[in-house]
Amino acid sequence: MQEQKYQEAGVPDEEKAAAEKTEAEKTEAPTNGWLEQVYSRFDGVPLKALDIFIGICVFAFIAVIAVGIMKARGIL
């Protein structure tokens, strides 16, 4: 199907290969690429400590949102 589209348009082989490569990159889902990049920046920090810190930050964020909702409704 892709080849027909490129053949009909008269696209050279180099451009066809580049277009297919970019299409393949778009369809590949990153498995945990961003998380691995975050962890690779903190090589000296133990993984467990980093996970605990992230968990505390998430908990604090949720707590701040909950307190804001309760103040808006007049509960606090």
PDB file of N, CA and C in Angstrom:
ATOM      1  N   MET A   1       0.830  -1.188   0.000  1.00  0.00           N
ATOM      2  CA  MET A   1       0.000   0.000   0.000  1.00  0.00           C
ATOM      3  C   MET A   1       0.874   1.251   0.000  1.00  0.00           C
ATOM      4  N   GLN A   2       1.888   1.282   0.913  1.00  0.00           N
ATOM      5  CA  GLN A   2       2.785   2.426   0.987  1.00  0.00           C
ATOM      6  C   GLN A   2       3.565   2.589  -0.318  1.00  0.00           C
ATOM      7  N   GLU A   3       4.020   1.447  -0.897  1.00  0.00           N
ATOM      8  CA  GLU A   3       4.813   1.514  -2.111  1.00  0.00           C
ATOM      9  C   GLU A   3       3.995   2.084  -3.265  1.00  0.00           C
ATOM     10  N   GLN A   4       2.721   1.712  -3.348  1.00  0.00           N
ATOM     11  CA  GLN A   4       1.877   2.233  -4.404  1.00  0.00           C
ATOM     12  C   GLN A   4       1.743   3.747  -4.280  1.00  0.00           C
ATOM     13  N   LYS A   5       1.590   4.216  -3.057  1.00  0.00           N
ATOM     14  CA  LYS A   5       1.437   5.649  -2.832  1.00  0.00           C
ATOM     15  C   LYS A   5       2.676   6.390  -3.309  1.00  0.00           C
ATOM     16  N   TYR A   6       3.848   5.857  -3.000  1.00  0.00           N
ATOM     17  CA  TYR A   6       5.089   6.505  -3.389  1.00  0.00           C
ATOM     18  C   TYR A   6       5.365   6.363  -4.879  1.00  0.00           C
ATOM     19  N   GLN A   7       5.007   5.212  -5.460  1.00  0.00           N
ATOM     20  CA  GLN A   7       5.236   5.009  -6.880  1.00  0.00           C
ATOM     21  C   GLN A   7       4.348   5.927  -7.706  1.00  0.00           C
ATOM     22  N   GLU A   8       3.117   6.097  -7.263  1.00  0.00           N
ATOM     23  CA  GLU A   8       2.201   6.968  -7.990  1.00  0.00           C
ATOM     24  C   GLU A   8       2.665   8.414  -7.937  1.00  0.00           C
ATOM     25  N   ALA A   9       3.252   8.796  -6.815  1.00  0.00           N
ATOM     26  CA  ALA A   9       3.699  10.179  -6.670  1.00  0.00           C
ATOM     27  C   ALA A   9       5.050  10.414  -7.322  1.00  0.00           C
ATOM     28  N   GLY A  10       5.754   9.358  -7.714  1.00  0.00           N
ATOM     29  CA  GLY A  10       7.055   9.496  -8.342  1.00  0.00           C
ATOM     30  C   GLY A  10       8.137   9.910  -7.361  1.00  0.00           C
ATOM     31  N   VAL A  11       8.052   9.434  -6.130  1.00  0.00           N
ATOM     32  CA  VAL A  11       9.008   9.794  -5.088  1.00  0.00           C
ATOM     33  C   VAL A  11      10.255   8.926  -5.234  1.00  0.00           C
ATOM     34  N   PRO A  12      11.458   9.520  -5.184  1.00  0.00           N
ATOM     35  CA  PRO A  12      12.689   8.728  -5.259  1.00  0.00           C
ATOM     36  C   PRO A  12      12.824   7.766  -4.079  1.00  0.00           C
ATOM     37  N   ASP A  13      13.666   6.742  -4.256  1.00  0.00           N
ATOM     38  CA  ASP A  13      13.828   5.707  -3.240  1.00  0.00           C
ATOM     39  C   ASP A  13      14.344   6.255  -1.916  1.00  0.00           C
ATOM     40  N   GLU A  14      15.248   7.248  -1.963  1.00  0.00           N
ATOM     41  CA  GLU A  14      15.800   7.795  -0.724  1.00  0.00           C
ATOM     42  C   GLU A  14      14.709   8.460   0.113  1.00  0.00           C
ATOM     43  N   GLU A  15      13.867   9.226  -0.553  1.00  0.00           N
ATOM     44  CA  GLU A  15      12.782   9.893   0.160  1.00  0.00           C
ATOM     45  C   GLU A  15      11.772   8.880   0.679  1.00  0.00           C
ATOM     46  N   LYS A  16      11.546   7.831  -0.094  1.00  0.00           N
ATOM     47  CA  LYS A  16      10.613   6.782   0.326  1.00  0.00           C
ATOM     48  C   LYS A  16      11.127   6.110   1.594  1.00  0.00           C
ATOM     49  N   ALA A  17      12.415   5.792   1.629  1.00  0.00           N
ATOM     50  CA  ALA A  17      13.000   5.139   2.794  1.00  0.00           C
ATOM     51  C   ALA A  17      12.944   6.060   4.007  1.00  0.00           C
ATOM     52  N   ALA A  18      13.212   7.347   3.816  1.00  0.00           N
ATOM     53  CA  ALA A  18      13.164   8.299   4.924  1.00  0.00           C
ATOM     54  C   ALA A  18      11.744   8.446   5.459  1.00  0.00           C
ATOM     55  N   ALA A  19      10.772   8.485   4.561  1.00  0.00           N
ATOM     56  CA  ALA A  19       9.384   8.628   4.982  1.00  0.00           C
ATOM     57  C   ALA A  19       8.916   7.399   5.749  1.00  0.00           C
ATOM     58  N   GLU A  20       9.308   6.205   5.270  1.00  0.00           N
ATOM     59  CA  GLU A  20       8.924   4.985   5.971  1.00  0.00           C
ATOM     60  C   GLU A  20       9.584   4.909   7.339  1.00  0.00           C
ATOM     61  N   LYS A  21      10.819   5.394   7.430  1.00  0.00           N
ATOM     62  CA  LYS A  21      11.519   5.382   8.710  1.00  0.00           C
ATOM     63  C   LYS A  21      10.820   6.292   9.709  1.00  0.00           C
ATOM     64  N   THR A  22      10.414   7.486   9.280  1.00  0.00           N
ATOM     65  CA  THR A  22       9.737   8.399  10.196  1.00  0.00           C
ATOM     66  C   THR A  22       8.365   7.858  10.586  1.00  0.00           C
ATOM     67  N   GLU A  23       7.681   7.208   9.651  1.00  0.00           N
ATOM     68  CA  GLU A  23       6.381   6.612   9.981  1.00  0.00           C
ATOM     69  C   GLU A  23       6.540   5.483  10.988  1.00  0.00           C
ATOM     70  N   ALA A  24       7.606   4.693  10.855  1.00  0.00           N
ATOM     71  CA  ALA A  24       7.855   3.598  11.789  1.00  0.00           C
ATOM     72  C   ALA A  24       8.201   4.144  13.162  1.00  0.00           C
ATOM     73  N   GLU A  25       8.942   5.243  13.212  1.00  0.00           N
ATOM     74  CA  GLU A  25       9.285   5.846  14.502  1.00  0.00           C
ATOM     75  C   GLU A  25       8.039   6.382  15.195  1.00  0.00           C
ATOM     76  N   LYS A  26       7.087   6.909  14.427  1.00  0.00           N
ATOM     77  CA  LYS A  26       5.867   7.447  15.022  1.00  0.00           C
ATOM     78  C   LYS A  26       4.996   6.339  15.605  1.00  0.00           C
ATOM     79  N   THR A  27       5.005   5.156  14.970  1.00  0.00           N
ATOM     80  CA  THR A  27       4.135   4.085  15.429  1.00  0.00           C
ATOM     81  C   THR A  27       4.725   3.320  16.607  1.00  0.00           C
ATOM     82  N   GLU A  28       6.047   3.383  16.795  1.00  0.00           N
ATOM     83  CA  GLU A  28       6.661   2.679  17.923  1.00  0.00           C
ATOM     84  C   GLU A  28       6.333   3.408  19.211  1.00  0.00           C
ATOM     85  N   ALA A  29       5.788   2.680  20.153  1.00  0.00           N
ATOM     86  CA  ALA A  29       5.455   3.268  21.446  1.00  0.00           C
ATOM     87  C   ALA A  29       6.662   3.148  22.377  1.00  0.00           C
ATOM     88  N   PRO A  30       7.060   4.253  22.998  1.00  0.00           N
ATOM     89  CA  PRO A  30       8.178   4.155  23.932  1.00  0.00           C
ATOM     90  C   PRO A  30       7.766   3.324  25.150  1.00  0.00           C
ATOM     91  N   THR A  31       8.567   2.332  25.478  1.00  0.00           N
ATOM     92  CA  THR A  31       8.192   1.432  26.563  1.00  0.00           C
ATOM     93  C   THR A  31       8.343   2.104  27.915  1.00  0.00           C
ATOM     94  N   ASN A  32       9.491   2.570  28.227  1.00  0.00           N
ATOM     95  CA  ASN A  32       9.724   3.345  29.446  1.00  0.00           C
ATOM     96  C   ASN A  32      10.873   4.289  29.205  1.00  0.00           C
ATOM     97  N   GLY A  33      10.992   4.794  28.009  1.00  0.00           N
ATOM     98  CA  GLY A  33      12.117   5.612  27.625  1.00  0.00           C
ATOM     99  C   GLY A  33      12.294   6.845  28.478  1.00  0.00           C
ATOM    100  N   TRP A  34      11.229   7.571  28.733  1.00  0.00           N
ATOM    101  CA  TRP A  34      11.347   8.794  29.512  1.00  0.00           C
ATOM    102  C   TRP A  34      11.717   8.491  30.952  1.00  0.00           C
ATOM    103  N   LEU A  35      11.202   7.399  31.499  1.00  0.00           N
ATOM    104  CA  LEU A  35      11.517   7.048  32.880  1.00  0.00           C
ATOM    105  C   LEU A  35      12.970   6.612  33.016  1.00  0.00           C
ATOM    106  N   GLU A  36      13.460   5.877  32.030  1.00  0.00           N
ATOM    107  CA  GLU A  36      14.862   5.470  32.047  1.00  0.00           C
ATOM    108  C   GLU A  36      15.777   6.681  31.932  1.00  0.00           C
ATOM    109  N   GLN A  37      15.371   7.682  31.172  1.00  0.00           N
ATOM    110  CA  GLN A  37      16.177   8.896  31.061  1.00  0.00           C
ATOM    111  C   GLN A  37      16.222   9.647  32.382  1.00  0.00           C
ATOM    112  N   VAL A  38      15.112   9.685  33.095  1.00  0.00           N
ATOM    113  CA  VAL A  38      15.084  10.353  34.397  1.00  0.00           C
ATOM    114  C   VAL A  38      16.007   9.624  35.359  1.00  0.00           C
ATOM    115  N   TYR A  39      15.909   8.306  35.409  1.00  0.00           N
ATOM    116  CA  TYR A  39      16.742   7.529  36.323  1.00  0.00           C
ATOM    117  C   TYR A  39      18.221   7.615  35.951  1.00  0.00           C
ATOM    118  N   SER A  40      18.533   7.718  34.668  1.00  0.00           N
ATOM    119  CA  SER A  40      19.943   7.764  34.256  1.00  0.00           C
ATOM    120  C   SER A  40      20.611   9.065  34.684  1.00  0.00           C
ATOM    121  N   ARG A  41      19.838  10.106  34.917  1.00  0.00           N
ATOM    122  CA  ARG A  41      20.414  11.375  35.373  1.00  0.00           C
ATOM    123  C   ARG A  41      20.824  11.320  36.843  1.00  0.00           C
ATOM    124  N   PHE A  42      20.307  10.371  37.580  1.00  0.00           N
ATOM    125  CA  PHE A  42      20.604  10.241  39.007  1.00  0.00           C
ATOM    126  C   PHE A  42      21.324   8.929  39.270  1.00  0.00           C
ATOM    127  N   ASP A  43      22.482   8.751  38.633  1.00  0.00           N
ATOM    128  CA  ASP A  43      23.222   7.494  38.757  1.00  0.00           C
ATOM    129  C   ASP A  43      23.700   7.238  40.186  1.00  0.00           C
ATOM    130  N   GLY A  44      24.064   8.288  40.927  1.00  0.00           N
ATOM    131  CA  GLY A  44      24.600   8.107  42.269  1.00  0.00           C
ATOM    132  C   GLY A  44      23.538   7.887  43.335  1.00  0.00           C
ATOM    133  N   VAL A  45      22.282   8.132  43.013  1.00  0.00           N
ATOM    134  CA  VAL A  45      21.193   8.016  43.993  1.00  0.00           C
ATOM    135  C   VAL A  45      20.599   6.614  43.897  1.00  0.00           C
ATOM    136  N   PRO A  46      20.417   5.956  45.047  1.00  0.00           N
ATOM    137  CA  PRO A  46      19.785   4.626  45.000  1.00  0.00           C
ATOM    138  C   PRO A  46      18.372   4.714  44.412  1.00  0.00           C
ATOM    139  N   LEU A  47      18.013   3.716  43.646  1.00  0.00           N
ATOM    140  CA  LEU A  47      16.714   3.693  42.966  1.00  0.00           C
ATOM    141  C   LEU A  47      15.558   3.735  43.958  1.00  0.00           C
ATOM    142  N   LYS A  48      15.700   3.035  45.066  1.00  0.00           N
ATOM    143  CA  LYS A  48      14.629   3.006  46.068  1.00  0.00           C
ATOM    144  C   LYS A  48      14.390   4.393  46.648  1.00  0.00           C
ATOM    145  N   ALA A  49      15.472   5.127  46.913  1.00  0.00           N
ATOM    146  CA  ALA A  49      15.334   6.482  47.467  1.00  0.00           C
ATOM    147  C   ALA A  49      14.651   7.406  46.461  1.00  0.00           C
ATOM    148  N   LEU A  50      14.998   7.260  45.201  1.00  0.00           N
ATOM    149  CA  LEU A  50      14.381   8.078  44.165  1.00  0.00           C
ATOM    150  C   LEU A  50      12.897   7.760  44.030  1.00  0.00           C
ATOM    151  N   ASP A  51      12.537   6.492  44.099  1.00  0.00           N
ATOM    152  CA  ASP A  51      11.130   6.094  44.031  1.00  0.00           C
ATOM    153  C   ASP A  51      10.344   6.626  45.230  1.00  0.00           C
ATOM    154  N   ILE A  52      10.951   6.591  46.403  1.00  0.00           N
ATOM    155  CA  ILE A  52      10.279   7.111  47.597  1.00  0.00           C
ATOM    156  C   ILE A  52      10.049   8.612  47.466  1.00  0.00           C
ATOM    157  N   PHE A  53      11.056   9.327  46.972  1.00  0.00           N
ATOM    158  CA  PHE A  53      10.914  10.775  46.771  1.00  0.00           C
ATOM    159  C   PHE A  53       9.789  11.090  45.796  1.00  0.00           C
ATOM    160  N   ILE A  54       9.724  10.359  44.693  1.00  0.00           N
ATOM    161  CA  ILE A  54       8.657  10.572  43.702  1.00  0.00           C
ATOM    162  C   ILE A  54       7.299  10.275  44.329  1.00  0.00           C
ATOM    163  N   GLY A  55       7.208   9.208  45.122  1.00  0.00           N
ATOM    164  CA  GLY A  55       5.956   8.871  45.795  1.00  0.00           C
ATOM    165  C   GLY A  55       5.509   9.945  46.760  1.00  0.00           C
ATOM    166  N   ILE A  56       6.451  10.515  47.513  1.00  0.00           N
ATOM    167  CA  ILE A  56       6.119  11.588  48.457  1.00  0.00           C
ATOM    168  C   ILE A  56       5.621  12.821  47.704  1.00  0.00           C
ATOM    169  N   CYS A  57       6.263  13.145  46.591  1.00  0.00           N
ATOM    170  CA  CYS A  57       5.833  14.297  45.790  1.00  0.00           C
ATOM    171  C   CYS A  57       4.419  14.098  45.238  1.00  0.00           C
ATOM    172  N   VAL A  58       4.122  12.908  44.761  1.00  0.00           N
ATOM    173  CA  VAL A  58       2.780  12.618  44.240  1.00  0.00           C
ATOM    174  C   VAL A  58       1.746  12.717  45.355  1.00  0.00           C
ATOM    175  N   PHE A  59       2.074  12.158  46.531  1.00  0.00           N
ATOM    176  CA  PHE A  59       1.161  12.230  47.668  1.00  0.00           C
ATOM    177  C   PHE A  59       0.906  13.675  48.077  1.00  0.00           C
ATOM    178  N   ALA A  60       1.962  14.495  48.128  1.00  0.00           N
ATOM    179  CA  ALA A  60       1.807  15.900  48.504  1.00  0.00           C
ATOM    180  C   ALA A  60       0.964  16.653  47.488  1.00  0.00           C
ATOM    181  N   PHE A  61       1.158  16.359  46.228  1.00  0.00           N
ATOM    182  CA  PHE A  61       0.379  17.005  45.177  1.00  0.00           C
ATOM    183  C   PHE A  61      -1.101  16.685  45.326  1.00  0.00           C
ATOM    184  N   ILE A  62      -1.423  15.433  45.574  1.00  0.00           N
ATOM    185  CA  ILE A  62      -2.815  15.024  45.752  1.00  0.00           C
ATOM    186  C   ILE A  62      -3.397  15.656  47.005  1.00  0.00           C
ATOM    187  N   ALA A  63      -2.597  15.735  48.074  1.00  0.00           N
ATOM    188  CA  ALA A  63      -3.072  16.342  49.327  1.00  0.00           C
ATOM    189  C   ALA A  63      -3.387  17.820  49.125  1.00  0.00           C
ATOM    190  N   VAL A  64      -2.546  18.544  48.399  1.00  0.00           N
ATOM    191  CA  VAL A  64      -2.787  19.968  48.149  1.00  0.00           C
ATOM    192  C   VAL A  64      -4.069  20.156  47.338  1.00  0.00           C
ATOM    193  N   ILE A  65      -4.287  19.319  46.364  1.00  0.00           N
ATOM    194  CA  ILE A  65      -5.518  19.406  45.566  1.00  0.00           C
ATOM    195  C   ILE A  65      -6.740  19.111  46.432  1.00  0.00           C
ATOM    196  N   ALA A  66      -6.642  18.081  47.274  1.00  0.00           N
ATOM    197  CA  ALA A  66      -7.769  17.729  48.142  1.00  0.00           C
ATOM    198  C   ALA A  66      -8.089  18.856  49.115  1.00  0.00           C
ATOM    199  N   VAL A  67      -7.073  19.472  49.698  1.00  0.00           N
ATOM    200  CA  VAL A  67      -7.295  20.579  50.630  1.00  0.00           C
ATOM    201  C   VAL A  67      -7.932  21.757  49.886  1.00  0.00           C
ATOM    202  N   GLY A  68      -7.496  22.036  48.680  1.00  0.00           N
ATOM    203  CA  GLY A  68      -8.084  23.115  47.894  1.00  0.00           C
ATOM    204  C   GLY A  68      -9.547  22.875  47.575  1.00  0.00           C
ATOM    205  N   ILE A  69      -9.876  21.637  47.254  1.00  0.00           N
ATOM    206  CA  ILE A  69     -11.283  21.296  46.973  1.00  0.00           C
ATOM    207  C   ILE A  69     -12.123  21.454  48.226  1.00  0.00           C
ATOM    208  N   MET A  70     -11.593  20.977  49.352  1.00  0.00           N
ATOM    209  CA  MET A  70     -12.364  21.070  50.609  1.00  0.00           C
ATOM    210  C   MET A  70     -12.534  22.525  51.037  1.00  0.00           C
ATOM    211  N   LYS A  71     -11.530  23.385  50.827  1.00  0.00           N
ATOM    212  CA  LYS A  71     -11.689  24.802  51.158  1.00  0.00           C
ATOM    213  C   LYS A  71     -12.695  25.463  50.246  1.00  0.00           C
ATOM    214  N   ALA A  72     -12.716  25.085  48.992  1.00  0.00           N
ATOM    215  CA  ALA A  72     -13.666  25.677  48.049  1.00  0.00           C
ATOM    216  C   ALA A  72     -15.100  25.319  48.405  1.00  0.00           C
ATOM    217  N   ARG A  73     -15.298  24.146  48.971  1.00  0.00           N
ATOM    218  CA  ARG A  73     -16.658  23.729  49.349  1.00  0.00           C
ATOM    219  C   ARG A  73     -17.020  24.139  50.765  1.00  0.00           C
ATOM    220  N   GLY A  74     -16.095  24.776  51.476  1.00  0.00           N
ATOM    221  CA  GLY A  74     -16.380  25.265  52.819  1.00  0.00           C
ATOM    222  C   GLY A  74     -16.231  24.213  53.897  1.00  0.00           C
ATOM    223  N   ILE A  75     -15.630  23.102  53.617  1.00  0.00           N
ATOM    224  CA  ILE A  75     -15.443  22.043  54.615  1.00  0.00           C
ATOM    225  C   ILE A  75     -14.322  22.425  55.565  1.00  0.00           C
ATOM    226  N   LEU A  76     -13.276  23.064  55.072  1.00  0.00           N
ATOM    227  CA  LEU A  76     -12.159  23.514  55.923  1.00  0.00           C
ATOM    228  C   LEU A  76     -12.179  25.003  56.112  1.00  0.00           C
TER     229      LEU A  76
END
